């Protein structure tokens, strides 16, 4: 079973990229404004804001808003909130697993055809509609053995189930 901190780090890296992880790291230790983060990371303010909004959209950051007494403008202080991160990571992994299982089911249920140039892959019904000729290059369509795709999908599903502690 993978460590939840490793999963969260991988999730943040996928979601935000390297610079985004740096921002997340900073606001995990202290509240900061977008301007402070831009200065500290040497990133453009708009890029910092995009990272903060992504975190906020995924319920991984919150902010505290105060009004500047001099200018009257609002100041937003951002803080990382990873309380929901394990739940979000689990939801995403579960969603990915569901998509893999659906794809496996589709691969097992269909017979596929391709042309020699592998322009496109067709189900039997679609191949029949184009009279077993590739609409891209005109080559005849031939049976495509998708056993390796099925095997890869099964391996990936088993790997995810094993990593999450579920039975394969």
C-alpha atoms as a PDB file:
ATOM      1  CA  UNK A   1       0.000   0.000   0.000  1.00  0.00           C
ATOM      2  CA  UNK A   2       1.398   3.378  -1.026  1.00  0.00           C
ATOM      3  CA  UNK A   3       2.010   6.010   1.627  1.00  0.00           C
ATOM      4  CA  UNK A   4      -0.705   8.708   1.559  1.00  0.00           C
ATOM      5  CA  UNK A   5       1.924  11.495   1.647  1.00  0.00           C
ATOM      6  CA  UNK A   6       3.542  10.042  -1.476  1.00  0.00           C
ATOM      7  CA  UNK A   7       0.149   9.870  -3.191  1.00  0.00           C
ATOM      8  CA  UNK A   8      -0.636  13.459  -2.230  1.00  0.00           C
ATOM      9  CA  UNK A   9       2.762  14.673  -3.465  1.00  0.00           C
ATOM     10  CA  UNK A  10       2.309  12.825  -6.779  1.00  0.00           C
ATOM     11  CA  UNK A  11      -1.211  14.229  -7.085  1.00  0.00           C
ATOM     12  CA  UNK A  12      -0.003  17.798  -6.432  1.00  0.00           C
ATOM     13  CA  UNK A  13       2.851  17.379  -8.887  1.00  0.00           C
ATOM     14  CA  UNK A  14       0.458  16.118 -11.590  1.00  0.00           C
ATOM     15  CA  UNK A  15      -2.062  18.848 -10.831  1.00  0.00           C
ATOM     16  CA  UNK A  16       0.281  21.803 -10.435  1.00  0.00           C
ATOM     17  CA  UNK A  17       3.649  21.025 -11.968  1.00  0.00           C
ATOM     18  CA  UNK A  18       6.991  21.695 -10.290  1.00  0.00           C
ATOM     19  CA  UNK A  19       6.452  25.411  -9.617  1.00  0.00           C
ATOM     20  CA  UNK A  20       3.018  24.682  -8.236  1.00  0.00           C
ATOM     21  CA  UNK A  21       4.391  22.175  -5.753  1.00  0.00           C
ATOM     22  CA  UNK A  22       6.794  24.875  -4.549  1.00  0.00           C
ATOM     23  CA  UNK A  23       3.857  27.217  -3.940  1.00  0.00           C
ATOM     24  CA  UNK A  24       1.910  24.459  -2.190  1.00  0.00           C
ATOM     25  CA  UNK A  25       4.942  23.761  -0.026  1.00  0.00           C
ATOM     26  CA  UNK A  26       5.221  27.413   1.017  1.00  0.00           C
ATOM     27  CA  UNK A  27       1.547  27.823   1.900  1.00  0.00           C
ATOM     28  CA  UNK A  28       1.599  24.533   3.784  1.00  0.00           C
ATOM     29  CA  UNK A  29       3.908  26.211   6.313  1.00  0.00           C
ATOM     30  CA  UNK A  30       2.501  29.744   6.425  1.00  0.00           C
ATOM     31  CA  UNK A  31      -0.198  31.977   5.034  1.00  0.00           C
ATOM     32  CA  UNK A  32       0.928  34.067   2.086  1.00  0.00           C
ATOM     33  CA  UNK A  33      -0.464  36.422  -0.504  1.00  0.00           C
ATOM     34  CA  UNK A  34      -0.120  35.789  -4.223  1.00  0.00           C
ATOM     35  CA  UNK A  35       2.289  38.717  -4.406  1.00  0.00           C
ATOM     36  CA  UNK A  36       4.492  37.261  -1.651  1.00  0.00           C
ATOM     37  CA  UNK A  37       4.468  33.870  -3.377  1.00  0.00           C
ATOM     38  CA  UNK A  38       5.393  35.411  -6.728  1.00  0.00           C
ATOM     39  CA  UNK A  39       8.305  37.213  -5.140  1.00  0.00           C
ATOM     40  CA  UNK A  40       9.507  34.177  -3.211  1.00  0.00           C
ATOM     41  CA  UNK A  41       9.245  31.748  -6.138  1.00  0.00           C
ATOM     42  CA  UNK A  42      10.214  34.267  -8.842  1.00  0.00           C
ATOM     43  CA  UNK A  43       7.115  33.235 -10.786  1.00  0.00           C
ATOM     44  CA  UNK A  44       4.752  35.579 -12.614  1.00  0.00           C
ATOM     45  CA  UNK A  45       1.839  36.721 -10.467  1.00  0.00           C
ATOM     46  CA  UNK A  46      -0.688  35.291 -12.969  1.00  0.00           C
ATOM     47  CA  UNK A  47       0.996  31.865 -12.836  1.00  0.00           C
ATOM     48  CA  UNK A  48       0.906  31.955  -9.031  1.00  0.00           C
ATOM     49  CA  UNK A  49      -2.789  32.850  -9.086  1.00  0.00           C
ATOM     50  CA  UNK A  50      -3.518  29.982 -11.499  1.00  0.00           C
ATOM     51  CA  UNK A  51      -1.868  27.564  -9.054  1.00  0.00           C
ATOM     52  CA  UNK A  52      -3.808  29.005  -6.116  1.00  0.00           C
ATOM     53  CA  UNK A  53      -7.109  28.789  -8.004  1.00  0.00           C
ATOM     54  CA  UNK A  54      -6.392  25.174  -9.005  1.00  0.00           C
ATOM     55  CA  UNK A  55      -5.722  24.319  -5.382  1.00  0.00           C
ATOM     56  CA  UNK A  56      -8.883  26.139  -4.324  1.00  0.00           C
ATOM     57  CA  UNK A  57     -10.972  24.425  -7.038  1.00  0.00           C
ATOM     58  CA  UNK A  58      -9.765  21.035  -5.773  1.00  0.00           C
ATOM     59  CA  UNK A  59     -10.584  22.006  -2.159  1.00  0.00           C
ATOM     60  CA  UNK A  60      -6.898  21.914  -1.233  1.00  0.00           C
ATOM     61  CA  UNK A  61      -6.412  25.575  -0.329  1.00  0.00           C
ATOM     62  CA  UNK A  62      -8.385  28.180   1.503  1.00  0.00           C
ATOM     63  CA  UNK A  63      -7.968  31.888   1.919  1.00  0.00           C
ATOM     64  CA  UNK A  64      -8.580  34.571   4.479  1.00  0.00           C
ATOM     65  CA  UNK A  65      -9.676  37.940   3.129  1.00  0.00           C
ATOM     66  CA  UNK A  66      -8.899  41.269   4.795  1.00  0.00           C
ATOM     67  CA  UNK A  67      -9.344  44.848   3.631  1.00  0.00           C
ATOM     68  CA  UNK A  68      -6.315  47.109   3.298  1.00  0.00           C
ATOM     69  CA  UNK A  69      -7.183  50.201   5.370  1.00  0.00           C
ATOM     70  CA  UNK A  70      -5.129  52.474   3.153  1.00  0.00           C
ATOM     71  CA  UNK A  71      -6.299  51.419  -0.326  1.00  0.00           C
ATOM     72  CA  UNK A  72      -9.608  49.723   0.515  1.00  0.00           C
ATOM     73  CA  UNK A  73      -8.584  46.750  -1.615  1.00  0.00           C
ATOM     74  CA  UNK A  74      -8.985  43.177  -0.431  1.00  0.00           C
ATOM     75  CA  UNK A  75      -5.898  41.171   0.458  1.00  0.00           C
ATOM     76  CA  UNK A  76      -6.111  37.396   0.211  1.00  0.00           C
ATOM     77  CA  UNK A  77      -3.946  35.230   2.468  1.00  0.00           C
ATOM     78  CA  UNK A  78      -3.694  31.675   1.161  1.00  0.00           C
ATOM     79  CA  UNK A  79      -3.138  28.513   3.185  1.00  0.00           C
ATOM     80  CA  UNK A  80      -2.845  24.897   2.049  1.00  0.00           C
ATOM     81  CA  UNK A  81      -5.575  22.670   3.451  1.00  0.00           C
ATOM     82  CA  UNK A  82      -4.760  19.002   2.918  1.00  0.00           C
ATOM     83  CA  UNK A  83      -7.480  17.646   5.220  1.00  0.00           C
ATOM     84  CA  UNK A  84      -9.509  16.534   2.199  1.00  0.00           C
ATOM     85  CA  UNK A  85      -6.493  15.445   0.120  1.00  0.00           C
ATOM     86  CA  UNK A  86      -6.667  11.720   0.997  1.00  0.00           C
ATOM     87  CA  UNK A  87     -10.363  11.664   0.081  1.00  0.00           C
ATOM     88  CA  UNK A  88      -9.714  13.510  -3.191  1.00  0.00           C
ATOM     89  CA  UNK A  89      -6.801  11.250  -4.122  1.00  0.00           C
ATOM     90  CA  UNK A  90      -8.947   8.195  -3.347  1.00  0.00           C
ATOM     91  CA  UNK A  91     -11.820   9.575  -5.477  1.00  0.00           C
ATOM     92  CA  UNK A  92      -9.472  10.229  -8.393  1.00  0.00           C
ATOM     93  CA  UNK A  93      -7.861   6.807  -8.142  1.00  0.00           C
ATOM     94  CA  UNK A  94     -11.290   5.186  -7.935  1.00  0.00           C
ATOM     95  CA  UNK A  95     -12.482   7.142 -10.981  1.00  0.00           C
ATOM     96  CA  UNK A  96      -9.369   6.128 -12.929  1.00  0.00           C
ATOM     97  CA  UNK A  97      -9.896   2.496 -11.945  1.00  0.00           C
ATOM     98  CA  UNK A  98     -13.506   2.660 -13.138  1.00  0.00           C
ATOM     99  CA  UNK A  99     -12.411   4.082 -16.506  1.00  0.00           C
ATOM    100  CA  UNK A 100      -9.798   1.332 -16.867  1.00  0.00           C
ATOM    101  CA  UNK A 101     -12.376  -1.356 -16.072  1.00  0.00           C
ATOM    102  CA  UNK A 102     -14.798   0.126 -18.610  1.00  0.00           C
ATOM    103  CA  UNK A 103     -12.051   0.211 -21.234  1.00  0.00           C
ATOM    104  CA  UNK A 104     -11.127  -3.404 -20.455  1.00  0.00           C
ATOM    105  CA  UNK A 105     -14.750  -4.429 -20.839  1.00  0.00           C
ATOM    106  CA  UNK A 106     -14.918  -2.653 -24.202  1.00  0.00           C
ATOM    107  CA  UNK A 107     -11.656  -4.226 -25.410  1.00  0.00           C
ATOM    108  CA  UNK A 108     -12.891  -7.693 -24.437  1.00  0.00           C
ATOM    109  CA  UNK A 109     -16.310  -7.202 -26.044  1.00  0.00           C
ATOM    110  CA  UNK A 110     -15.190  -5.932 -29.455  1.00  0.00           C
ATOM    111  CA  UNK A 111     -13.305  -7.255 -32.438  1.00  0.00           C
ATOM    112  CA  UNK A 112     -10.995  -4.660 -33.981  1.00  0.00           C
ATOM    113  CA  UNK A 113      -9.567  -3.983 -37.432  1.00  0.00           C
ATOM    114  CA  UNK A 114      -6.746  -1.741 -38.649  1.00  0.00           C
ATOM    115  CA  UNK A 115      -5.074  -0.938 -41.953  1.00  0.00           C
ATOM    116  CA  UNK A 116      -1.385  -1.670 -42.593  1.00  0.00           C
ATOM    117  CA  UNK A 117      -0.560   1.980 -41.911  1.00  0.00           C
ATOM    118  CA  UNK A 118      -2.456   1.853 -38.606  1.00  0.00           C
ATOM    119  CA  UNK A 119      -4.232   5.109 -39.467  1.00  0.00           C
ATOM    120  CA  UNK A 120      -7.260   4.210 -37.350  1.00  0.00           C
ATOM    121  CA  UNK A 121      -8.680   1.318 -35.389  1.00  0.00           C
ATOM    122  CA  UNK A 122     -12.215   0.173 -36.105  1.00  0.00           C
ATOM    123  CA  UNK A 123     -14.697  -2.051 -34.346  1.00  0.00           C
ATOM    124  CA  UNK A 124     -16.232  -4.742 -36.522  1.00  0.00           C
ATOM    125  CA  UNK A 125     -19.400  -2.673 -37.062  1.00  0.00           C
ATOM    126  CA  UNK A 126     -17.407   0.438 -38.011  1.00  0.00           C
ATOM    127  CA  UNK A 127     -15.140  -1.580 -40.315  1.00  0.00           C
ATOM    128  CA  UNK A 128     -18.206  -3.029 -41.976  1.00  0.00           C
ATOM    129  CA  UNK A 129     -19.600   0.487 -42.542  1.00  0.00           C
ATOM    130  CA  UNK A 130     -16.447   1.506 -44.463  1.00  0.00           C
ATOM    131  CA  UNK A 131     -16.459  -1.837 -46.325  1.00  0.00           C
ATOM    132  CA  UNK A 132     -13.223  -2.904 -44.598  1.00  0.00           C
ATOM    133  CA  UNK A 133     -11.230  -0.130 -46.337  1.00  0.00           C
ATOM    134  CA  UNK A 134      -9.407   2.582 -44.408  1.00  0.00           C
ATOM    135  CA  UNK A 135     -11.048   5.940 -45.154  1.00  0.00           C
ATOM    136  CA  UNK A 136      -7.691   7.661 -44.542  1.00  0.00           C
ATOM    137  CA  UNK A 137      -5.363   5.737 -46.861  1.00  0.00           C
ATOM    138  CA  UNK A 138      -7.584   3.286 -48.732  1.00  0.00           C
ATOM    139  CA  UNK A 139      -5.721   0.178 -47.494  1.00  0.00           C
ATOM    140  CA  UNK A 140      -7.790  -2.917 -46.662  1.00  0.00           C
ATOM    141  CA  UNK A 141      -8.564  -3.422 -42.986  1.00  0.00           C
ATOM    142  CA  UNK A 142      -7.194  -6.493 -41.244  1.00  0.00           C
ATOM    143  CA  UNK A 143      -8.040  -8.143 -37.942  1.00  0.00           C
ATOM    144  CA  UNK A 144      -6.220  -6.529 -35.013  1.00  0.00           C
ATOM    145  CA  UNK A 145      -5.315  -8.719 -32.052  1.00  0.00           C
ATOM    146  CA  UNK A 146      -5.829  -6.573 -28.952  1.00  0.00           C
ATOM    147  CA  UNK A 147      -4.644  -9.241 -26.486  1.00  0.00           C
ATOM    148  CA  UNK A 148      -1.668  -7.086 -25.431  1.00  0.00           C
ATOM    149  CA  UNK A 149      -3.937  -4.114 -24.713  1.00  0.00           C
ATOM    150  CA  UNK A 150      -6.215  -6.355 -22.651  1.00  0.00           C
ATOM    151  CA  UNK A 151      -3.230  -7.747 -20.761  1.00  0.00           C
ATOM    152  CA  UNK A 152      -1.870  -4.236 -20.036  1.00  0.00           C
ATOM    153  CA  UNK A 153      -5.270  -3.071 -18.799  1.00  0.00           C
ATOM    154  CA  UNK A 154      -5.625  -6.138 -16.561  1.00  0.00           C
ATOM    155  CA  UNK A 155      -2.132  -5.563 -15.147  1.00  0.00           C
ATOM    156  CA  UNK A 156      -2.826  -1.886 -14.483  1.00  0.00           C
ATOM    157  CA  UNK A 157      -6.144  -2.690 -12.785  1.00  0.00           C
ATOM    158  CA  UNK A 158      -4.519  -5.373 -10.633  1.00  0.00           C
ATOM    159  CA  UNK A 159      -1.679  -3.003  -9.752  1.00  0.00           C
ATOM    160  CA  UNK A 160      -4.062  -0.248  -8.643  1.00  0.00           C
ATOM    161  CA  UNK A 161      -6.194  -2.665  -6.642  1.00  0.00           C
ATOM    162  CA  UNK A 162      -3.111  -4.144  -5.001  1.00  0.00           C
ATOM    163  CA  UNK A 163      -1.695  -0.685  -4.164  1.00  0.00           C
ATOM    164  CA  UNK A 164      -4.981   0.404  -2.612  1.00  0.00           C
ATOM    165  CA  UNK A 165      -5.240  -2.784  -0.600  1.00  0.00           C
ATOM    166  CA  UNK A 166      -8.313  -4.075  -2.463  1.00  0.00           C
ATOM    167  CA  UNK A 167      -8.520  -7.612  -3.754  1.00  0.00           C
ATOM    168  CA  UNK A 168      -7.635  -8.017  -7.418  1.00  0.00           C
END
